[in-house]
């Protein structure tokens, strides 16, 4: 059976192969870079392979390291499962762990402050790392690079667990004093006649709102496309452009006196925001605590949006 030192070395190897960086692997395991460099030296000696080699300013895995990566990850996962007492009650106050959560800027800006505050109160030894969400690829979950992926469900595959957090819908946001607010009822025709700023990570100019307008024989003009909801709100606050924003995002960041919101004047479907994880973490007590914390932070919103 491996000694404690050997097992720690296996964890170090898994972090190095997953991150492809001494600095990132050190952060993942809450070690200094010098300690991780020493671990890499020992691993090179043990395996007879350099594992990570310099390529310009970055490090790349050797062919032998690439061949080891999946096997090492499985060994680490199994060793954690074996060494975890069955039915153990976790005391969050003793937990020392770095969790990586991937979410879009709307969720991070709207929910991260409360999530961080709750985590700091319940588990002061826990650190949270929020990663950007460029796409819905589940590969980072499968490879253990993420603990949680939060957002609207995409092509998840059968190996991903999903739990709904809350329902949301898009609303329109304009500056205080916008011409739309001064006129009669805000109809789909008046809404479509305005210029719009939309948010898209991939630069798309159309979405579900445009489909709803098209069903009514209407087309809106997308004047500006930006990558974040915060930027869209900043533009809406300084111009007559109309922004399309998730209700939950605006609820947490509402700038009263400078921005006003109103429901979209055409029918659009609600969206469900979920947390997703790999099934290997189902029974991990630390991960169960994290999922429960995320669910609890989102629950008040869920109760409000579910109310008739």
Protein backbone atom coordinates (compact mmCIF):
# COMPACT_ATOMS: atom_id res chain seq x y z
CA UNK A 1 0.00 0.00 0.00
CA UNK A 2 1.39 3.48 -0.84
CA UNK A 3 2.79 5.52 2.00
CA UNK A 4 1.39 8.96 2.77
CA UNK A 5 4.31 10.56 0.95
CA UNK A 6 3.72 8.39 -2.13
CA UNK A 7 0.03 9.28 -2.15
CA UNK A 8 0.80 12.98 -1.90
CA UNK A 9 3.19 12.55 -4.82
CA UNK A 10 0.39 10.95 -6.81
CA UNK A 11 -1.85 13.93 -6.05
CA UNK A 12 0.94 16.25 -7.16
CA UNK A 13 1.35 14.31 -10.41
CA UNK A 14 -2.39 14.52 -11.06
CA UNK A 15 -2.40 18.29 -10.51
CA UNK A 16 0.62 18.79 -12.76
CA UNK A 17 -0.82 16.68 -15.56
CA UNK A 18 -4.24 18.33 -15.29
CA UNK A 19 -3.02 21.93 -15.10
CA UNK A 20 0.11 21.70 -17.27
CA UNK A 21 1.72 24.31 -15.05
CA UNK A 22 3.77 24.22 -11.86
CA UNK A 23 2.19 27.45 -10.61
CA UNK A 24 -1.41 26.35 -11.26
CA UNK A 25 -0.78 22.90 -9.82
CA UNK A 26 0.66 24.49 -6.68
CA UNK A 27 -2.41 26.71 -6.32
CA UNK A 28 -4.71 23.73 -6.82
CA UNK A 29 -3.08 21.82 -3.97
CA UNK A 30 -2.48 24.91 -1.80
CA UNK A 31 1.30 24.49 -1.98
CA UNK A 32 4.14 26.89 -2.70
CA UNK A 33 5.65 26.85 -6.17
CA UNK A 34 8.97 25.72 -4.73
CA UNK A 35 7.29 22.74 -3.04
CA UNK A 36 5.59 21.81 -6.29
CA UNK A 37 8.87 22.17 -8.18
CA UNK A 38 10.49 19.76 -5.72
CA UNK A 39 7.60 17.33 -6.23
CA UNK A 40 8.08 17.58 -10.00
CA UNK A 41 11.78 16.82 -9.59
CA UNK A 42 10.94 13.70 -7.56
CA UNK A 43 8.36 12.63 -10.11
CA UNK A 44 10.85 13.04 -12.94
CA UNK A 45 13.28 10.87 -11.05
CA UNK A 46 10.62 8.24 -10.27
CA UNK A 47 9.19 8.03 -13.79
CA UNK A 48 12.41 8.57 -15.72
CA UNK A 49 10.61 11.16 -17.84
CA UNK A 50 10.65 15.00 -17.75
CA UNK A 51 6.80 15.04 -17.78
CA UNK A 52 6.62 18.82 -18.34
CA UNK A 53 8.97 20.61 -20.74
CA UNK A 54 9.34 24.25 -21.69
CA UNK A 55 7.76 25.37 -24.98
CA UNK A 56 8.28 29.10 -25.32
CA UNK A 57 6.74 30.74 -22.27
CA UNK A 58 4.50 27.77 -21.48
CA UNK A 59 5.00 24.19 -20.37
CA UNK A 60 3.74 21.20 -22.36
CA UNK A 61 3.25 17.55 -21.41
CA UNK A 62 5.56 14.93 -22.83
CA UNK A 63 4.05 11.97 -24.71
CA UNK A 64 4.61 9.81 -21.61
CA UNK A 65 2.81 12.37 -19.42
CA UNK A 66 -0.13 12.46 -21.85
CA UNK A 67 -0.33 8.68 -21.72
CA UNK A 68 -0.37 8.76 -17.91
CA UNK A 69 -2.90 11.58 -17.42
CA UNK A 70 -6.20 9.66 -17.52
CA UNK A 71 -4.82 6.74 -15.55
CA UNK A 72 -3.40 8.99 -12.82
CA UNK A 73 -6.67 10.91 -12.56
CA UNK A 74 -8.60 7.66 -12.07
CA UNK A 75 -6.10 6.48 -9.43
CA UNK A 76 -6.45 9.71 -7.48
CA UNK A 77 -10.24 9.56 -7.62
CA UNK A 78 -10.27 5.95 -6.43
CA UNK A 79 -7.76 6.62 -3.65
CA UNK A 80 -9.89 9.49 -2.34
CA UNK A 81 -12.98 7.30 -2.39
CA UNK A 82 -11.16 4.48 -0.55
CA UNK A 83 -9.73 6.74 2.12
CA UNK A 84 -13.01 8.56 2.74
CA UNK A 85 -14.84 6.94 5.68
CA UNK A 86 -18.25 5.67 4.66
CA UNK A 87 -20.99 7.98 5.86
CA UNK A 88 -18.51 10.36 7.44
CA UNK A 89 -20.01 13.57 8.76
CA UNK A 90 -18.09 16.52 7.39
CA UNK A 91 -17.32 19.47 9.64
CA UNK A 92 -16.94 22.39 7.20
CA UNK A 93 -14.86 24.28 9.77
CA UNK A 94 -12.06 21.72 9.30
CA UNK A 95 -12.30 21.62 5.50
CA UNK A 96 -9.23 22.76 3.55
CA UNK A 97 -9.99 22.76 -0.15
CA UNK A 98 -9.92 24.83 -3.34
CA UNK A 99 -13.12 24.52 -5.36
CA UNK A 100 -13.25 25.65 -8.98
CA UNK A 101 -16.65 26.84 -10.19
CA UNK A 102 -17.33 27.78 -13.81
CA UNK A 103 -20.14 30.26 -14.45
CA UNK A 104 -20.92 33.23 -16.65
CA UNK A 105 -20.42 36.80 -15.49
CA UNK A 106 -24.10 37.21 -14.68
CA UNK A 107 -24.08 34.47 -12.08
CA UNK A 108 -20.67 35.43 -10.69
CA UNK A 109 -21.53 39.10 -10.24
CA UNK A 110 -24.99 38.34 -8.91
CA UNK A 111 -24.34 35.40 -6.58
CA UNK A 112 -20.60 35.17 -5.85
CA UNK A 113 -20.61 37.81 -3.07
CA UNK A 114 -23.18 35.89 -1.00
CA UNK A 115 -21.61 32.54 -1.84
CA UNK A 116 -18.17 33.73 -0.76
CA UNK A 117 -19.55 35.25 2.45
CA UNK A 118 -21.41 32.06 3.38
CA UNK A 119 -18.38 29.89 2.59
CA UNK A 120 -16.09 32.11 4.67
CA UNK A 121 -18.50 31.88 7.61
CA UNK A 122 -19.06 28.10 7.46
CA UNK A 123 -15.67 26.90 6.17
CA UNK A 124 -12.89 29.47 6.60
CA UNK A 125 -10.36 27.03 5.12
CA UNK A 126 -12.18 26.80 1.79
CA UNK A 127 -11.13 28.84 -1.22
CA UNK A 128 -13.34 29.44 -4.25
CA UNK A 129 -11.95 29.97 -7.73
CA UNK A 130 -14.44 31.24 -10.33
CA UNK A 131 -13.55 30.34 -13.90
CA UNK A 132 -14.99 31.99 -17.03
CA UNK A 133 -17.53 30.08 -19.11
CA UNK A 134 -16.56 30.40 -22.78
CA UNK A 135 -18.79 27.46 -23.81
CA UNK A 136 -20.83 24.54 -22.48
CA UNK A 137 -18.22 21.84 -23.08
CA UNK A 138 -18.38 19.23 -20.29
CA UNK A 139 -14.81 18.05 -20.87
CA UNK A 140 -13.41 20.11 -17.93
CA UNK A 141 -15.88 18.36 -15.60
CA UNK A 142 -14.92 14.98 -16.98
CA UNK A 143 -11.21 15.72 -16.59
CA UNK A 144 -11.52 17.03 -13.05
CA UNK A 145 -10.60 20.62 -13.93
CA UNK A 146 -13.91 21.89 -12.52
CA UNK A 147 -15.86 21.02 -9.40
CA UNK A 148 -19.09 22.68 -10.52
CA UNK A 149 -20.38 24.09 -13.79
CA UNK A 150 -23.26 26.53 -13.35
CA UNK A 151 -25.49 27.73 -16.15
CA UNK A 152 -28.15 26.71 -18.64
CA UNK A 153 -27.88 23.03 -19.52
CA UNK A 154 -26.24 22.27 -22.85
CA UNK A 155 -25.09 18.98 -24.37
CA UNK A 156 -24.16 17.43 -21.04
CA UNK A 157 -23.92 13.74 -21.86
CA UNK A 158 -25.06 10.88 -19.61
CA UNK A 159 -22.08 11.16 -17.26
CA UNK A 160 -23.01 14.61 -15.87
CA UNK A 161 -25.25 15.12 -12.86
CA UNK A 162 -27.63 18.10 -12.98
CA UNK A 163 -29.57 19.94 -10.27
CA UNK A 164 -31.83 22.89 -11.05
CA UNK A 165 -31.06 25.99 -8.98
CA UNK A 166 -33.65 28.53 -10.11
CA UNK A 167 -35.75 29.67 -13.03
CA UNK A 168 -34.99 32.96 -14.71
CA UNK A 169 -36.19 35.04 -17.62
CA UNK A 170 -34.86 37.93 -19.66
CA UNK A 171 -36.10 41.47 -19.12
CA UNK A 172 -35.51 44.78 -20.88
CA UNK A 173 -33.45 47.51 -19.21
CA UNK A 174 -33.25 51.17 -20.25
CA UNK A 175 -31.94 54.38 -18.74
CA UNK A 176 -34.19 56.43 -16.52
CA UNK A 177 -36.00 58.90 -18.77
CA UNK A 178 -35.85 56.70 -21.86
CA UNK A 179 -38.49 57.61 -24.50
CA UNK A 180 -40.08 54.15 -24.14
CA UNK A 181 -41.00 54.99 -20.54
CA UNK A 182 -42.65 58.31 -21.42
CA UNK A 183 -45.06 57.02 -24.03
CA UNK A 184 -48.11 54.76 -23.81
CA UNK A 185 -47.98 51.04 -23.13
CA UNK A 186 -44.71 49.40 -24.14
CA UNK A 187 -45.81 47.20 -27.00
CA UNK A 188 -43.78 44.74 -29.04
CA UNK A 189 -43.88 47.22 -31.91
CA UNK A 190 -42.45 50.07 -29.83
CA UNK A 191 -39.85 47.74 -28.33
CA UNK A 192 -38.72 46.44 -31.72
CA UNK A 193 -38.48 49.98 -33.12
CA UNK A 194 -35.67 50.83 -30.66
CA UNK A 195 -31.98 50.13 -31.15
CA UNK A 196 -30.65 47.36 -28.93
CA UNK A 197 -27.47 46.20 -27.18
CA UNK A 198 -27.22 42.44 -26.77
CA UNK A 199 -24.83 40.21 -24.85
CA UNK A 200 -23.15 37.28 -26.52
CA UNK A 201 -19.87 35.53 -25.72
CA UNK A 202 -19.66 34.44 -29.36
CA UNK A 203 -20.77 37.68 -31.02
CA UNK A 204 -24.21 36.45 -32.05
CA UNK A 205 -26.67 39.20 -32.97
CA UNK A 206 -29.92 37.21 -32.65
CA UNK A 207 -31.48 35.00 -30.00
CA UNK A 208 -34.78 33.83 -28.50
CA UNK A 209 -36.10 37.41 -28.25
CA UNK A 210 -35.66 37.79 -32.00
CA UNK A 211 -37.48 34.50 -32.59
CA UNK A 212 -40.40 35.77 -30.50
CA UNK A 213 -40.49 39.04 -32.43
CA UNK A 214 -40.26 37.22 -35.78
CA UNK A 215 -43.34 35.19 -34.83
CA UNK A 216 -45.14 38.54 -34.59
CA UNK A 217 -43.75 39.77 -37.89
CA UNK A 218 -41.29 42.15 -36.20
CA UNK A 219 -37.52 42.66 -36.38
CA UNK A 220 -35.36 44.62 -33.95
CA UNK A 221 -32.11 46.38 -34.81
CA UNK A 222 -29.10 45.13 -32.84
CA UNK A 223 -26.80 48.13 -32.82
CA UNK A 224 -24.15 46.78 -30.42
CA UNK A 225 -22.97 43.31 -29.34
CA UNK A 226 -20.92 43.02 -26.13
CA UNK A 227 -19.49 40.02 -24.23
CA UNK A 228 -20.90 40.80 -20.76
CA UNK A 229 -24.13 41.92 -19.13
CA UNK A 230 -22.30 44.58 -17.13
CA UNK A 231 -21.08 46.24 -20.31
CA UNK A 232 -24.57 46.07 -21.80
CA UNK A 233 -25.97 47.87 -18.75
CA UNK A 234 -23.27 50.54 -18.92
CA UNK A 235 -24.17 51.24 -22.55
CA UNK A 236 -27.90 51.28 -21.79
CA UNK A 237 -27.31 53.75 -18.94
CA UNK A 238 -25.50 56.19 -21.25
CA UNK A 239 -27.60 55.86 -24.44
CA UNK A 240 -31.10 55.15 -25.70
CA UNK A 241 -30.22 51.55 -26.49
CA UNK A 242 -32.31 48.83 -24.86
CA UNK A 243 -30.45 46.03 -23.05
CA UNK A 244 -31.60 42.43 -22.67
CA UNK A 245 -30.61 41.17 -19.20
CA UNK A 246 -31.49 38.14 -17.00
CA UNK A 247 -33.88 39.17 -14.26
CA UNK A 248 -31.69 37.59 -11.56
CA UNK A 249 -28.68 39.62 -12.68
CA UNK A 250 -30.54 42.91 -12.62
CA UNK A 251 -32.14 42.05 -9.28
CA UNK A 252 -28.75 41.86 -7.60
CA UNK A 253 -27.10 44.76 -9.40
CA UNK A 254 -29.98 47.15 -9.70
CA UNK A 255 -28.86 50.78 -10.07
CA UNK A 256 -31.99 52.62 -8.96
CA UNK A 257 -32.22 56.16 -10.29
CA UNK A 258 -30.17 55.41 -13.42
CA UNK A 259 -31.75 52.26 -14.89
CA UNK A 260 -35.30 50.97 -15.24
CA UNK A 261 -36.51 47.50 -16.16
CA UNK A 262 -39.72 46.16 -17.66
CA UNK A 263 -40.96 42.75 -18.84
CA UNK A 264 -40.46 41.93 -22.48
CA UNK A 265 -43.62 42.80 -24.43
CA UNK A 266 -43.65 39.43 -26.22
CA UNK A 267 -43.81 35.86 -24.91
CA UNK A 268 -40.44 34.23 -24.19
CA UNK A 269 -39.68 31.02 -22.34
CA UNK A 270 -38.11 30.94 -18.91
CA UNK A 271 -34.62 29.53 -18.60
CA UNK A 272 -33.46 27.09 -15.91
CA UNK A 273 -30.09 27.71 -14.30
CA UNK A 274 -28.54 24.49 -12.96
CA UNK A 275 -25.41 23.25 -11.25
CA UNK A 276 -23.64 20.35 -12.96
CA UNK A 277 -20.93 17.99 -11.72
CA UNK A 278 -19.29 14.67 -12.55
CA UNK A 279 -20.86 11.61 -10.87
CA UNK A 280 -17.55 10.62 -9.27
CA UNK A 281 -18.19 13.50 -6.83
CA UNK A 282 -21.74 12.44 -5.92
CA UNK A 283 -20.86 11.07 -2.50
CA UNK A 284 -17.85 13.23 -1.74
CA UNK A 285 -18.78 15.00 1.54
CA UNK A 286 -16.89 18.19 0.67
CA UNK A 287 -18.58 18.41 -2.73
CA UNK A 288 -21.98 17.66 -1.19
CA UNK A 289 -21.42 20.58 1.18
CA UNK A 290 -20.50 22.87 -1.74
CA UNK A 291 -23.58 21.86 -3.76
CA UNK A 292 -25.80 22.42 -0.74
CA UNK A 293 -24.29 25.84 -0.19
CA UNK A 294 -24.85 26.88 -3.80
CA UNK A 295 -28.43 25.62 -3.68
CA UNK A 296 -29.10 27.48 -0.43
CA UNK A 297 -27.70 30.75 -1.80
CA UNK A 298 -29.94 30.44 -4.86
CA UNK A 299 -33.04 29.19 -3.02
CA UNK A 300 -34.57 32.58 -2.06
CA UNK A 301 -34.57 33.57 -5.73
CA UNK A 302 -36.03 30.20 -6.68
CA UNK A 303 -38.89 30.69 -4.20
CA UNK A 304 -39.62 34.16 -5.58
CA UNK A 305 -39.61 33.14 -9.25
CA UNK A 306 -41.68 30.00 -8.55
CA UNK A 307 -44.43 31.93 -6.79
CA UNK A 308 -47.69 32.23 -8.77
